Amino acid sequence: MKTTKSRDQLIPLLADLEEEAVLLLVRERLAAGGDPLQIIEECNEGLRQVGQRYEQGEFFVSGLIMSGEIFREVVELVQPLLAQQTRGQSSGTVLVGTVSGDIHDIGKNIAGMLLACHGFTVVDLGVDVPPAVFASKAIELQPDVVGLSGLITASFDAMKTTVLTLRSEAHAQRCSFPVVIGGGMMDEQVCRYVGADYWVANAMDGVRLCQRLVAA
């Protein structure tokens, strides 16, 4: 019952951007032996609700940024416990970045934090990443998954060019890796247009997809 009550508290607190209250509750739950991954997943639900409220006009972009910052602080609190649980283990390597011409990084950063919390090694190339940089780093690292992030519709063509470059370089080097596109504008039609293997619309779906791909 206490766990349910805490869950009922944590999600709306983050959705209301109550930074101090969120961090206090997280500290209390960790001190009481709470599951750090459960805390992360609840906070991710709070983030999802912030995104909904932004789409409905209740929040401005500053609200999205603040929710991402609160989430980052939560990750800092739970990371030591997660590191103990996954010490010496890696769920796989994921190469991520925001495509050329797009400087939005909130979703990418949250996805990277969630992946790291679930034991993945994350290599983040940042924003406005040229196709050639994606390709050269992918060939160098041979990651389990390559994730392309983009928030605006103008990113679609950059994603398409990046996927073509990745495919060409991978073919030349006789290697392959699944390419996932992520962002609020992504759907099956966009995925087909850019030539990616998979698409996700939110960070937690990205984590689950990466887990399935690595386990396959």
N, C-alpha and C. Protein backbone atom coordinates (compact mmCIF):
# COMPACT_ATOMS: atom_id res chain seq x y z
N MET A 1 0.83 -1.21 0.00
CA MET A 1 0.00 0.00 0.00
C MET A 1 0.86 1.25 0.00
N LYS A 2 1.98 1.18 0.76
CA LYS A 2 2.85 2.35 0.83
C LYS A 2 3.46 2.64 -0.53
N THR A 3 3.86 1.57 -1.27
CA THR A 3 4.44 1.75 -2.59
C THR A 3 3.45 2.41 -3.53
N THR A 4 2.19 1.95 -3.48
CA THR A 4 1.15 2.53 -4.33
C THR A 4 0.95 3.99 -4.00
N LYS A 5 0.93 4.30 -2.71
CA LYS A 5 0.77 5.69 -2.29
C LYS A 5 1.93 6.53 -2.78
N SER A 6 3.16 6.02 -2.67
CA SER A 6 4.33 6.77 -3.12
C SER A 6 4.27 7.00 -4.61
N ARG A 7 3.83 5.96 -5.35
CA ARG A 7 3.70 6.09 -6.80
C ARG A 7 2.67 7.16 -7.13
N ASP A 8 1.55 7.12 -6.42
CA ASP A 8 0.51 8.11 -6.67
C ASP A 8 1.00 9.52 -6.38
N GLN A 9 2.00 9.64 -5.51
CA GLN A 9 2.55 10.95 -5.18
C GLN A 9 3.60 11.39 -6.19
N LEU A 10 4.50 10.47 -6.55
CA LEU A 10 5.66 10.86 -7.35
C LEU A 10 5.29 11.31 -8.76
N ILE A 11 4.41 10.57 -9.41
CA ILE A 11 4.06 10.91 -10.79
C ILE A 11 3.44 12.30 -10.90
N PRO A 12 2.41 12.63 -10.11
CA PRO A 12 1.84 13.98 -10.22
C PRO A 12 2.78 15.08 -9.77
N LEU A 13 3.66 14.78 -8.81
CA LEU A 13 4.62 15.80 -8.38
C LEU A 13 5.54 16.19 -9.52
N LEU A 14 6.03 15.20 -10.27
CA LEU A 14 6.89 15.55 -11.40
C LEU A 14 6.08 16.22 -12.51
N ALA A 15 4.86 15.72 -12.73
CA ALA A 15 4.00 16.32 -13.75
C ALA A 15 3.68 17.77 -13.44
N ASP A 16 3.70 18.14 -12.15
CA ASP A 16 3.46 19.52 -11.73
C ASP A 16 4.76 20.31 -11.57
N LEU A 17 5.90 19.67 -11.93
CA LEU A 17 7.22 20.32 -11.87
C LEU A 17 7.60 20.73 -10.46
N GLU A 18 7.20 19.94 -9.46
CA GLU A 18 7.52 20.22 -8.06
C GLU A 18 8.90 19.63 -7.75
N GLU A 19 9.93 20.33 -8.15
CA GLU A 19 11.29 19.80 -8.09
C GLU A 19 11.71 19.34 -6.69
N GLU A 20 11.59 20.22 -5.70
CA GLU A 20 12.05 19.88 -4.35
C GLU A 20 11.27 18.70 -3.78
N ALA A 21 9.96 18.68 -4.00
CA ALA A 21 9.13 17.59 -3.48
C ALA A 21 9.48 16.26 -4.15
N VAL A 22 9.75 16.30 -5.45
CA VAL A 22 10.14 15.08 -6.17
C VAL A 22 11.42 14.51 -5.60
N LEU A 23 12.43 15.36 -5.45
CA LEU A 23 13.74 14.90 -4.98
C LEU A 23 13.66 14.40 -3.54
N LEU A 24 12.86 15.07 -2.71
CA LEU A 24 12.69 14.63 -1.32
C LEU A 24 12.06 13.24 -1.27
N LEU A 25 11.01 13.03 -2.05
CA LEU A 25 10.33 11.73 -2.06
C LEU A 25 11.24 10.63 -2.60
N VAL A 26 12.02 10.95 -3.63
CA VAL A 26 12.95 9.96 -4.19
C VAL A 26 13.99 9.56 -3.14
N ARG A 27 14.52 10.55 -2.44
CA ARG A 27 15.51 10.25 -1.38
C ARG A 27 14.89 9.35 -0.30
N GLU A 28 13.66 9.67 0.09
CA GLU A 28 12.98 8.87 1.12
C GLU A 28 12.78 7.43 0.66
N ARG A 29 12.36 7.26 -0.58
CA ARG A 29 12.12 5.91 -1.09
C ARG A 29 13.41 5.12 -1.23
N LEU A 30 14.47 5.77 -1.68
CA LEU A 30 15.75 5.07 -1.79
C LEU A 30 16.26 4.67 -0.41
N ALA A 31 16.11 5.57 0.56
CA ALA A 31 16.56 5.26 1.93
C ALA A 31 15.77 4.10 2.52
N ALA A 32 14.52 3.94 2.08
CA ALA A 32 13.67 2.85 2.58
C ALA A 32 13.84 1.57 1.76
N GLY A 33 14.81 1.58 0.83
CA GLY A 33 15.07 0.38 0.03
C GLY A 33 14.22 0.26 -1.21
N GLY A 34 13.68 1.38 -1.69
CA GLY A 34 12.85 1.35 -2.88
C GLY A 34 13.62 0.96 -4.13
N ASP A 35 12.93 0.36 -5.09
CA ASP A 35 13.54 -0.09 -6.34
C ASP A 35 13.87 1.13 -7.21
N PRO A 36 15.16 1.36 -7.51
CA PRO A 36 15.53 2.54 -8.30
C PRO A 36 14.94 2.54 -9.70
N LEU A 37 14.83 1.37 -10.33
CA LEU A 37 14.25 1.32 -11.67
C LEU A 37 12.76 1.66 -11.65
N GLN A 38 12.07 1.24 -10.59
CA GLN A 38 10.66 1.59 -10.45
C GLN A 38 10.50 3.10 -10.32
N ILE A 39 11.39 3.72 -9.57
CA ILE A 39 11.37 5.18 -9.42
C ILE A 39 11.57 5.85 -10.77
N ILE A 40 12.54 5.35 -11.55
CA ILE A 40 12.82 5.92 -12.86
C ILE A 40 11.60 5.80 -13.77
N GLU A 41 10.95 4.65 -13.75
CA GLU A 41 9.80 4.45 -14.63
C GLU A 41 8.62 5.34 -14.22
N GLU A 42 8.46 5.56 -12.92
CA GLU A 42 7.40 6.47 -12.47
C GLU A 42 7.70 7.90 -12.91
N CYS A 43 8.97 8.29 -12.79
CA CYS A 43 9.35 9.64 -13.21
C CYS A 43 9.17 9.80 -14.72
N ASN A 44 9.44 8.73 -15.46
CA ASN A 44 9.23 8.79 -16.91
C ASN A 44 7.75 9.00 -17.23
N GLU A 45 6.86 8.40 -16.44
CA GLU A 45 5.43 8.63 -16.63
C GLU A 45 5.09 10.09 -16.33
N GLY A 46 5.74 10.65 -15.31
CA GLY A 46 5.55 12.07 -15.03
C GLY A 46 5.99 12.94 -16.20
N LEU A 47 7.13 12.57 -16.81
CA LEU A 47 7.62 13.28 -18.00
C LEU A 47 6.60 13.20 -19.14
N ARG A 48 6.04 12.01 -19.32
CA ARG A 48 5.05 11.83 -20.39
C ARG A 48 3.86 12.76 -20.18
N GLN A 49 3.44 12.91 -18.93
CA GLN A 49 2.32 13.79 -18.64
C GLN A 49 2.68 15.26 -18.87
N VAL A 50 3.93 15.62 -18.58
CA VAL A 50 4.39 16.98 -18.89
C VAL A 50 4.30 17.21 -20.40
N GLY A 51 4.74 16.22 -21.18
CA GLY A 51 4.66 16.33 -22.64
C GLY A 51 3.24 16.51 -23.12
N GLN A 52 2.31 15.79 -22.52
CA GLN A 52 0.90 15.93 -22.88
C GLN A 52 0.39 17.33 -22.57
N ARG A 53 0.77 17.83 -21.42
CA ARG A 53 0.31 19.16 -21.01
C ARG A 53 0.92 20.25 -21.89
N TYR A 54 2.13 19.99 -22.37
CA TYR A 54 2.75 20.92 -23.32
C TYR A 54 1.95 20.93 -24.63
N GLU A 55 1.61 19.75 -25.12
CA GLU A 55 0.84 19.64 -26.36
C GLU A 55 -0.53 20.29 -26.23
N GLN A 56 -1.09 20.27 -25.01
CA GLN A 56 -2.41 20.86 -24.78
C GLN A 56 -2.33 22.35 -24.46
N GLY A 57 -1.13 22.90 -24.44
CA GLY A 57 -0.96 24.32 -24.21
C GLY A 57 -0.88 24.74 -22.76
N GLU A 58 -0.82 23.78 -21.83
CA GLU A 58 -0.73 24.11 -20.41
C GLU A 58 0.69 24.54 -20.02
N PHE A 59 1.68 23.99 -20.70
CA PHE A 59 3.08 24.31 -20.41
C PHE A 59 3.74 24.90 -21.64
N PHE A 60 4.77 25.72 -21.40
CA PHE A 60 5.62 26.21 -22.48
C PHE A 60 6.84 25.30 -22.59
N VAL A 61 7.73 25.62 -23.53
CA VAL A 61 8.95 24.83 -23.70
C VAL A 61 9.76 24.81 -22.41
N SER A 62 9.70 25.90 -21.65
CA SER A 62 10.45 25.96 -20.39
C SER A 62 10.01 24.85 -19.44
N GLY A 63 8.73 24.46 -19.51
CA GLY A 63 8.25 23.35 -18.68
C GLY A 63 8.88 22.03 -19.08
N LEU A 64 9.03 21.82 -20.39
CA LEU A 64 9.70 20.61 -20.87
C LEU A 64 11.15 20.57 -20.39
N ILE A 65 11.80 21.72 -20.50
CA ILE A 65 13.21 21.80 -20.09
C ILE A 65 13.34 21.53 -18.59
N MET A 66 12.45 22.12 -17.80
CA MET A 66 12.51 21.93 -16.35
C MET A 66 12.25 20.47 -15.98
N SER A 67 11.29 19.84 -16.66
CA SER A 67 11.00 18.43 -16.35
C SER A 67 12.21 17.56 -16.67
N GLY A 68 12.90 17.88 -17.75
CA GLY A 68 14.12 17.14 -18.09
C GLY A 68 15.20 17.33 -17.06
N GLU A 69 15.29 18.54 -16.51
CA GLU A 69 16.29 18.81 -15.47
C GLU A 69 15.96 18.06 -14.18
N ILE A 70 14.68 18.03 -13.81
CA ILE A 70 14.28 17.27 -12.62
C ILE A 70 14.61 15.80 -12.82
N PHE A 71 14.33 15.29 -14.00
CA PHE A 71 14.62 13.89 -14.29
C PHE A 71 16.12 13.62 -14.18
N ARG A 72 16.93 14.54 -14.68
CA ARG A 72 18.38 14.38 -14.60
C ARG A 72 18.82 14.30 -13.14
N GLU A 73 18.23 15.13 -12.28
CA GLU A 73 18.59 15.10 -10.86
C GLU A 73 18.16 13.79 -10.21
N VAL A 74 17.01 13.27 -10.61
CA VAL A 74 16.56 11.98 -10.09
C VAL A 74 17.54 10.89 -10.50
N VAL A 75 17.96 10.91 -11.76
CA VAL A 75 18.92 9.91 -12.25
C VAL A 75 20.21 9.97 -11.44
N GLU A 76 20.67 11.17 -11.11
CA GLU A 76 21.88 11.31 -10.31
C GLU A 76 21.72 10.64 -8.95
N LEU A 77 20.51 10.70 -8.39
CA LEU A 77 20.26 10.08 -7.09
C LEU A 77 20.23 8.56 -7.17
N VAL A 78 19.63 8.03 -8.23
CA VAL A 78 19.47 6.57 -8.31
C VAL A 78 20.65 5.87 -8.98
N GLN A 79 21.46 6.63 -9.73
CA GLN A 79 22.54 6.02 -10.51
C GLN A 79 23.50 5.17 -9.68
N PRO A 80 23.94 5.62 -8.49
CA PRO A 80 24.86 4.78 -7.71
C PRO A 80 24.28 3.40 -7.39
N LEU A 81 23.00 3.34 -7.07
CA LEU A 81 22.37 2.05 -6.77
C LEU A 81 22.25 1.20 -8.02
N LEU A 82 21.91 1.84 -9.14
CA LEU A 82 21.82 1.09 -10.39
C LEU A 82 23.18 0.57 -10.82
N ALA A 83 24.22 1.37 -10.58
CA ALA A 83 25.57 0.95 -10.95
C ALA A 83 25.98 -0.28 -10.15
N GLN A 84 25.57 -0.35 -8.89
CA GLN A 84 25.87 -1.53 -8.07
C GLN A 84 25.17 -2.77 -8.62
N GLN A 85 23.94 -2.59 -9.10
CA GLN A 85 23.17 -3.72 -9.61
C GLN A 85 23.72 -4.24 -10.93
N THR A 86 24.30 -3.35 -11.74
CA THR A 86 24.76 -3.75 -13.08
C THR A 86 26.27 -3.77 -13.19
N ARG A 87 26.98 -3.75 -12.06
CA ARG A 87 28.44 -3.70 -12.09
C ARG A 87 29.01 -4.86 -12.89
N GLY A 88 29.92 -4.52 -13.81
CA GLY A 88 30.56 -5.55 -14.62
C GLY A 88 29.69 -6.07 -15.75
N GLN A 89 28.50 -5.51 -15.91
CA GLN A 89 27.59 -5.97 -16.95
C GLN A 89 27.22 -4.80 -17.86
N SER A 90 26.94 -5.10 -19.10
CA SER A 90 26.44 -4.10 -20.03
C SER A 90 25.33 -4.72 -20.85
N SER A 91 24.23 -4.01 -20.96
CA SER A 91 23.11 -4.52 -21.75
C SER A 91 23.38 -4.41 -23.24
N GLY A 92 24.40 -3.63 -23.61
CA GLY A 92 24.72 -3.39 -25.01
C GLY A 92 25.13 -1.95 -25.21
N THR A 93 25.55 -1.61 -26.42
CA THR A 93 26.00 -0.26 -26.74
C THR A 93 25.04 0.39 -27.72
N VAL A 94 24.65 1.62 -27.39
CA VAL A 94 23.74 2.38 -28.25
C VAL A 94 24.40 3.70 -28.62
N LEU A 95 24.48 3.98 -29.90
CA LEU A 95 25.02 5.24 -30.41
C LEU A 95 23.85 6.16 -30.71
N VAL A 96 23.83 7.35 -30.10
CA VAL A 96 22.71 8.26 -30.30
C VAL A 96 23.20 9.65 -30.70
N GLY A 97 22.31 10.41 -31.31
CA GLY A 97 22.61 11.78 -31.67
C GLY A 97 21.41 12.40 -32.37
N THR A 98 21.35 13.73 -32.35
CA THR A 98 20.32 14.47 -33.08
C THR A 98 20.86 14.81 -34.46
N VAL A 99 20.07 14.58 -35.49
CA VAL A 99 20.56 14.68 -36.86
C VAL A 99 20.89 16.12 -37.26
N SER A 100 21.61 16.22 -38.36
CA SER A 100 22.05 17.51 -38.88
C SER A 100 20.88 18.46 -39.10
N GLY A 101 21.07 19.72 -38.67
CA GLY A 101 20.05 20.74 -38.83
C GLY A 101 19.07 20.84 -37.68
N ASP A 102 19.18 19.96 -36.70
CA ASP A 102 18.27 19.95 -35.55
C ASP A 102 19.09 20.07 -34.27
N ILE A 103 18.76 21.04 -33.44
CA ILE A 103 19.53 21.25 -32.21
C ILE A 103 18.73 20.89 -30.95
N HIS A 104 17.60 20.23 -31.12
CA HIS A 104 16.79 19.83 -29.96
C HIS A 104 17.40 18.59 -29.32
N ASP A 105 17.51 18.61 -28.01
CA ASP A 105 18.17 17.48 -27.35
C ASP A 105 17.45 16.96 -26.10
N ILE A 106 16.29 17.51 -25.76
CA ILE A 106 15.62 17.08 -24.53
C ILE A 106 15.28 15.60 -24.59
N GLY A 107 14.59 15.19 -25.67
CA GLY A 107 14.20 13.79 -25.80
C GLY A 107 15.39 12.86 -25.88
N LYS A 108 16.40 13.27 -26.64
CA LYS A 108 17.61 12.45 -26.77
C LYS A 108 18.30 12.28 -25.43
N ASN A 109 18.40 13.35 -24.68
CA ASN A 109 19.07 13.26 -23.38
C ASN A 109 18.31 12.36 -22.41
N ILE A 110 17.00 12.47 -22.42
CA ILE A 110 16.19 11.61 -21.54
C ILE A 110 16.33 10.15 -21.96
N ALA A 111 16.31 9.90 -23.27
CA ALA A 111 16.49 8.53 -23.75
C ALA A 111 17.85 7.98 -23.33
N GLY A 112 18.88 8.82 -23.44
CA GLY A 112 20.22 8.38 -23.04
C GLY A 112 20.30 8.05 -21.57
N MET A 113 19.66 8.87 -20.73
CA MET A 113 19.67 8.60 -19.29
C MET A 113 18.91 7.32 -18.97
N LEU A 114 17.77 7.12 -19.63
CA LEU A 114 16.99 5.90 -19.38
C LEU A 114 17.75 4.66 -19.83
N LEU A 115 18.40 4.74 -20.97
CA LEU A 115 19.19 3.60 -21.46
C LEU A 115 20.31 3.28 -20.48
N ALA A 116 21.00 4.32 -20.01
CA ALA A 116 22.09 4.11 -19.04
C ALA A 116 21.56 3.48 -17.76
N CYS A 117 20.39 3.93 -17.32
CA CYS A 117 19.80 3.37 -16.10
C CYS A 117 19.46 1.90 -16.27
N HIS A 118 19.22 1.48 -17.50
CA HIS A 118 18.89 0.08 -17.77
C HIS A 118 20.12 -0.72 -18.22
N GLY A 119 21.30 -0.19 -17.93
CA GLY A 119 22.52 -0.94 -18.13
C GLY A 119 23.20 -0.81 -19.48
N PHE A 120 22.69 0.03 -20.36
CA PHE A 120 23.31 0.21 -21.67
C PHE A 120 24.50 1.17 -21.60
N THR A 121 25.48 0.92 -22.43
CA THR A 121 26.55 1.88 -22.65
C THR A 121 26.08 2.83 -23.75
N VAL A 122 26.00 4.12 -23.43
CA VAL A 122 25.45 5.10 -24.37
C VAL A 122 26.56 6.03 -24.85
N VAL A 123 26.71 6.14 -26.16
CA VAL A 123 27.65 7.08 -26.75
C VAL A 123 26.82 8.16 -27.43
N ASP A 124 26.89 9.38 -26.91
CA ASP A 124 26.05 10.49 -27.37
C ASP A 124 26.89 11.44 -28.23
N LEU A 125 26.52 11.58 -29.50
CA LEU A 125 27.25 12.45 -30.42
C LEU A 125 26.78 13.90 -30.34
N GLY A 126 25.73 14.17 -29.56
CA GLY A 126 25.26 15.55 -29.42
C GLY A 126 24.18 15.89 -30.43
N VAL A 127 24.14 17.17 -30.82
CA VAL A 127 23.11 17.66 -31.73
C VAL A 127 23.73 18.10 -33.05
N ASP A 128 22.87 18.28 -34.06
CA ASP A 128 23.32 18.76 -35.38
C ASP A 128 24.48 17.91 -35.91
N VAL A 129 24.30 16.59 -35.85
CA VAL A 129 25.38 15.66 -36.20
C VAL A 129 25.33 15.34 -37.69
N PRO A 130 26.40 15.62 -38.43
CA PRO A 130 26.44 15.32 -39.87
C PRO A 130 26.36 13.81 -40.12
N PRO A 131 25.78 13.41 -41.24
CA PRO A 131 25.69 11.98 -41.57
C PRO A 131 27.04 11.26 -41.53
N ALA A 132 28.08 11.91 -42.03
CA ALA A 132 29.40 11.28 -42.07
C ALA A 132 29.93 10.98 -40.68
N VAL A 133 29.59 11.83 -39.71
CA VAL A 133 30.05 11.62 -38.33
C VAL A 133 29.32 10.41 -37.74
N PHE A 134 28.01 10.34 -37.97
CA PHE A 134 27.26 9.16 -37.52
C PHE A 134 27.88 7.89 -38.09
N ALA A 135 28.16 7.92 -39.39
CA ALA A 135 28.65 6.72 -40.06
C ALA A 135 30.03 6.31 -39.56
N SER A 136 30.93 7.27 -39.45
CA SER A 136 32.30 6.94 -39.03
C SER A 136 32.32 6.41 -37.60
N LYS A 137 31.50 7.00 -36.73
CA LYS A 137 31.47 6.54 -35.34
C LYS A 137 30.81 5.17 -35.25
N ALA A 138 29.80 4.94 -36.06
CA ALA A 138 29.14 3.63 -36.05
C ALA A 138 30.09 2.54 -36.52
N ILE A 139 30.86 2.82 -37.55
CA ILE A 139 31.84 1.85 -38.04
C ILE A 139 32.90 1.59 -36.98
N GLU A 140 33.31 2.64 -36.29
CA GLU A 140 34.34 2.50 -35.26
C GLU A 140 33.84 1.68 -34.07
N LEU A 141 32.63 1.98 -33.60
CA LEU A 141 32.13 1.37 -32.37
C LEU A 141 31.42 0.03 -32.59
N GLN A 142 30.84 -0.16 -33.78
CA GLN A 142 30.02 -1.35 -34.03
C GLN A 142 28.95 -1.51 -32.94
N PRO A 143 28.11 -0.49 -32.74
CA PRO A 143 27.12 -0.54 -31.66
C PRO A 143 26.03 -1.57 -31.94
N ASP A 144 25.32 -1.92 -30.90
CA ASP A 144 24.18 -2.83 -31.05
C ASP A 144 23.00 -2.13 -31.71
N VAL A 145 22.89 -0.81 -31.47
CA VAL A 145 21.80 -0.02 -32.03
C VAL A 145 22.31 1.38 -32.33
N VAL A 146 21.85 1.97 -33.43
CA VAL A 146 22.10 3.38 -33.73
C VAL A 146 20.77 4.11 -33.63
N GLY A 147 20.73 5.17 -32.81
CA GLY A 147 19.51 5.93 -32.62
C GLY A 147 19.62 7.34 -33.16
N LEU A 148 18.76 7.70 -34.09
CA LEU A 148 18.73 9.04 -34.66
C LEU A 148 17.55 9.81 -34.07
N SER A 149 17.83 10.96 -33.49
CA SER A 149 16.79 11.77 -32.87
C SER A 149 16.48 12.99 -33.72
N GLY A 150 15.21 13.37 -33.74
CA GLY A 150 14.81 14.58 -34.44
C GLY A 150 13.45 15.03 -33.97
N LEU A 151 13.29 16.32 -33.77
CA LEU A 151 12.02 16.83 -33.24
C LEU A 151 11.17 17.50 -34.30
N ILE A 152 11.81 18.07 -35.32
CA ILE A 152 11.08 18.86 -36.31
C ILE A 152 10.95 18.09 -37.63
N THR A 153 9.91 18.44 -38.40
CA THR A 153 9.68 17.73 -39.67
C THR A 153 10.84 17.94 -40.64
N ALA A 154 11.54 19.06 -40.51
CA ALA A 154 12.70 19.30 -41.37
C ALA A 154 13.81 18.29 -41.14
N SER A 155 13.73 17.56 -40.03
CA SER A 155 14.75 16.55 -39.72
C SER A 155 14.60 15.30 -40.58
N PHE A 156 13.45 15.12 -41.19
CA PHE A 156 13.20 13.86 -41.91
C PHE A 156 14.20 13.64 -43.03
N ASP A 157 14.46 14.68 -43.81
CA ASP A 157 15.41 14.53 -44.92
C ASP A 157 16.82 14.27 -44.41
N ALA A 158 17.18 14.92 -43.30
CA ALA A 158 18.50 14.68 -42.71
C ALA A 158 18.60 13.24 -42.20
N MET A 159 17.52 12.74 -41.64
CA MET A 159 17.50 11.35 -41.20
C MET A 159 17.67 10.40 -42.39
N LYS A 160 16.97 10.71 -43.49
CA LYS A 160 17.06 9.87 -44.68
C LYS A 160 18.49 9.83 -45.20
N THR A 161 19.13 10.99 -45.28
CA THR A 161 20.51 11.05 -45.75
C THR A 161 21.44 10.29 -44.80
N THR A 162 21.19 10.44 -43.50
CA THR A 162 22.03 9.75 -42.51
C THR A 162 21.88 8.24 -42.62
N VAL A 163 20.65 7.77 -42.79
CA VAL A 163 20.43 6.32 -42.93
C VAL A 163 21.12 5.79 -44.18
N LEU A 164 21.01 6.52 -45.29
CA LEU A 164 21.67 6.10 -46.53
C LEU A 164 23.18 6.04 -46.35
N THR A 165 23.74 7.03 -45.66
CA THR A 165 25.18 7.06 -45.42
C THR A 165 25.60 5.90 -44.52
N LEU A 166 24.83 5.66 -43.47
CA LEU A 166 25.11 4.53 -42.58
C LEU A 166 25.08 3.21 -43.34
N ARG A 167 24.05 3.02 -44.16
CA ARG A 167 23.92 1.77 -44.91
C ARG A 167 25.11 1.59 -45.87
N SER A 168 25.47 2.67 -46.56
CA SER A 168 26.56 2.59 -47.53
C SER A 168 27.88 2.23 -46.86
N GLU A 169 28.19 2.91 -45.76
CA GLU A 169 29.45 2.65 -45.06
C GLU A 169 29.45 1.26 -44.43
N ALA A 170 28.31 0.87 -43.88
CA ALA A 170 28.23 -0.45 -43.26
C ALA A 170 28.41 -1.56 -44.30
N HIS A 171 27.82 -1.36 -45.48
CA HIS A 171 27.97 -2.35 -46.55
C HIS A 171 29.43 -2.46 -46.98
N ALA A 172 30.09 -1.31 -47.10
CA ALA A 172 31.50 -1.31 -47.50
C ALA A 172 32.37 -2.02 -46.48
N GLN A 173 32.00 -1.91 -45.21
CA GLN A 173 32.78 -2.53 -44.13
C GLN A 173 32.26 -3.91 -43.75
N ARG A 174 31.23 -4.37 -44.47
CA ARG A 174 30.63 -5.68 -44.21
C ARG A 174 30.17 -5.84 -42.76
N CYS A 175 29.44 -4.84 -42.32
CA CYS A 175 28.86 -4.91 -40.97
C CYS A 175 27.44 -4.36 -41.04
N SER A 176 26.71 -4.50 -39.97
CA SER A 176 25.34 -3.99 -39.95
C SER A 176 24.92 -3.70 -38.52
N PHE A 177 23.96 -2.81 -38.38
CA PHE A 177 23.40 -2.46 -37.07
C PHE A 177 22.02 -1.87 -37.32
N PRO A 178 21.05 -2.19 -36.47
CA PRO A 178 19.71 -1.64 -36.63
C PRO A 178 19.69 -0.14 -36.38
N VAL A 179 18.92 0.58 -37.19
CA VAL A 179 18.80 2.03 -37.05
C VAL A 179 17.39 2.35 -36.56
N VAL A 180 17.33 3.08 -35.45
CA VAL A 180 16.06 3.48 -34.84
C VAL A 180 15.93 4.99 -34.90
N ILE A 181 14.79 5.49 -35.34
CA ILE A 181 14.55 6.93 -35.29
C ILE A 181 13.60 7.22 -34.13
N GLY A 182 13.82 8.35 -33.47
CA GLY A 182 13.01 8.69 -32.31
C GLY A 182 12.64 10.16 -32.28
N GLY A 183 11.44 10.43 -31.76
CA GLY A 183 10.98 11.80 -31.65
C GLY A 183 9.46 11.84 -31.69
N GLY A 184 8.90 12.91 -31.19
CA GLY A 184 7.46 13.02 -31.10
C GLY A 184 6.73 13.01 -32.43
N MET A 185 7.46 13.32 -33.54
CA MET A 185 6.84 13.36 -34.86
C MET A 185 6.95 12.04 -35.61
N MET A 186 7.57 11.04 -35.00
CA MET A 186 7.84 9.80 -35.71
C MET A 186 6.62 8.88 -35.78
N ASP A 187 6.47 8.22 -36.91
CA ASP A 187 5.45 7.18 -37.08
C ASP A 187 5.93 6.22 -38.17
N GLU A 188 5.09 5.25 -38.49
CA GLU A 188 5.49 4.23 -39.47
C GLU A 188 5.77 4.83 -40.84
N GLN A 189 4.99 5.83 -41.23
CA GLN A 189 5.18 6.46 -42.53
C GLN A 189 6.53 7.16 -42.61
N VAL A 190 6.89 7.88 -41.56
CA VAL A 190 8.19 8.55 -41.52
C VAL A 190 9.31 7.52 -41.54
N CYS A 191 9.12 6.45 -40.80
CA CYS A 191 10.14 5.39 -40.74
C CYS A 191 10.41 4.83 -42.13
N ARG A 192 9.34 4.59 -42.89
CA ARG A 192 9.53 4.08 -44.25
C ARG A 192 10.21 5.11 -45.13
N TYR A 193 9.84 6.38 -44.97
CA TYR A 193 10.41 7.44 -45.79
C TYR A 193 11.92 7.56 -45.59
N VAL A 194 12.36 7.53 -44.35
CA VAL A 194 13.79 7.73 -44.07
C VAL A 194 14.58 6.43 -44.23
N GLY A 195 13.88 5.29 -44.28
CA GLY A 195 14.58 4.03 -44.48
C GLY A 195 15.12 3.39 -43.22
N ALA A 196 14.61 3.83 -42.06
CA ALA A 196 15.08 3.25 -40.79
C ALA A 196 14.45 1.88 -40.56
N ASP A 197 15.00 1.15 -39.61
CA ASP A 197 14.47 -0.17 -39.29
C ASP A 197 13.30 -0.10 -38.32
N TYR A 198 13.37 0.84 -37.38
CA TYR A 198 12.35 0.95 -36.34
C TYR A 198 12.14 2.42 -36.00
N TRP A 199 11.02 2.70 -35.35
CA TRP A 199 10.75 4.05 -34.87
C TRP A 199 10.13 3.98 -33.48
N VAL A 200 10.37 5.01 -32.69
CA VAL A 200 9.74 5.15 -31.37
C VAL A 200 9.35 6.61 -31.18
N ALA A 201 8.28 6.81 -30.44
CA ALA A 201 7.80 8.17 -30.21
C ALA A 201 8.17 8.70 -28.83
N ASN A 202 8.64 7.81 -27.94
CA ASN A 202 9.05 8.28 -26.62
C ASN A 202 10.23 7.46 -26.11
N ALA A 203 10.89 8.00 -25.09
CA ALA A 203 12.15 7.43 -24.62
C ALA A 203 12.01 6.03 -24.05
N MET A 204 10.96 5.78 -23.27
CA MET A 204 10.82 4.46 -22.65
C MET A 204 10.56 3.39 -23.69
N ASP A 205 9.80 3.72 -24.73
CA ASP A 205 9.61 2.77 -25.82
C ASP A 205 10.95 2.45 -26.48
N GLY A 206 11.82 3.46 -26.55
CA GLY A 206 13.15 3.25 -27.11
C GLY A 206 13.97 2.28 -26.29
N VAL A 207 13.88 2.38 -24.97
CA VAL A 207 14.60 1.45 -24.09
C VAL A 207 14.10 0.03 -24.31
N ARG A 208 12.79 -0.14 -24.33
CA ARG A 208 12.22 -1.48 -24.50
C ARG A 208 12.60 -2.08 -25.86
N LEU A 209 12.60 -1.23 -26.89
CA LEU A 209 13.00 -1.71 -28.22
C LEU A 209 14.45 -2.15 -28.23
N CYS A 210 15.33 -1.34 -27.63
CA CYS A 210 16.75 -1.70 -27.58
C CYS A 210 16.95 -3.01 -26.82
N GLN A 211 16.20 -3.19 -25.75
CA GLN A 211 16.30 -4.45 -25.00
C GLN A 211 15.91 -5.64 -25.87
N ARG A 212 14.85 -5.48 -26.65
CA ARG A 212 14.41 -6.57 -27.53
C ARG A 212 15.44 -6.84 -28.63
N LEU A 213 16.01 -5.78 -29.19
CA LEU A 213 16.97 -5.95 -30.28
C LEU A 213 18.24 -6.64 -29.79
N VAL A 214 18.71 -6.27 -28.61
CA VAL A 214 19.93 -6.87 -28.08
C VAL A 214 19.69 -8.33 -27.70
N ALA A 215 18.48 -8.62 -27.22
CA ALA A 215 18.17 -9.98 -26.79
C ALA A 215 17.91 -10.92 -27.96
N ALA A 216 17.62 -10.34 -29.13
CA ALA A 216 17.25 -11.17 -30.30
C ALA A 216 18.42 -12.03 -30.77
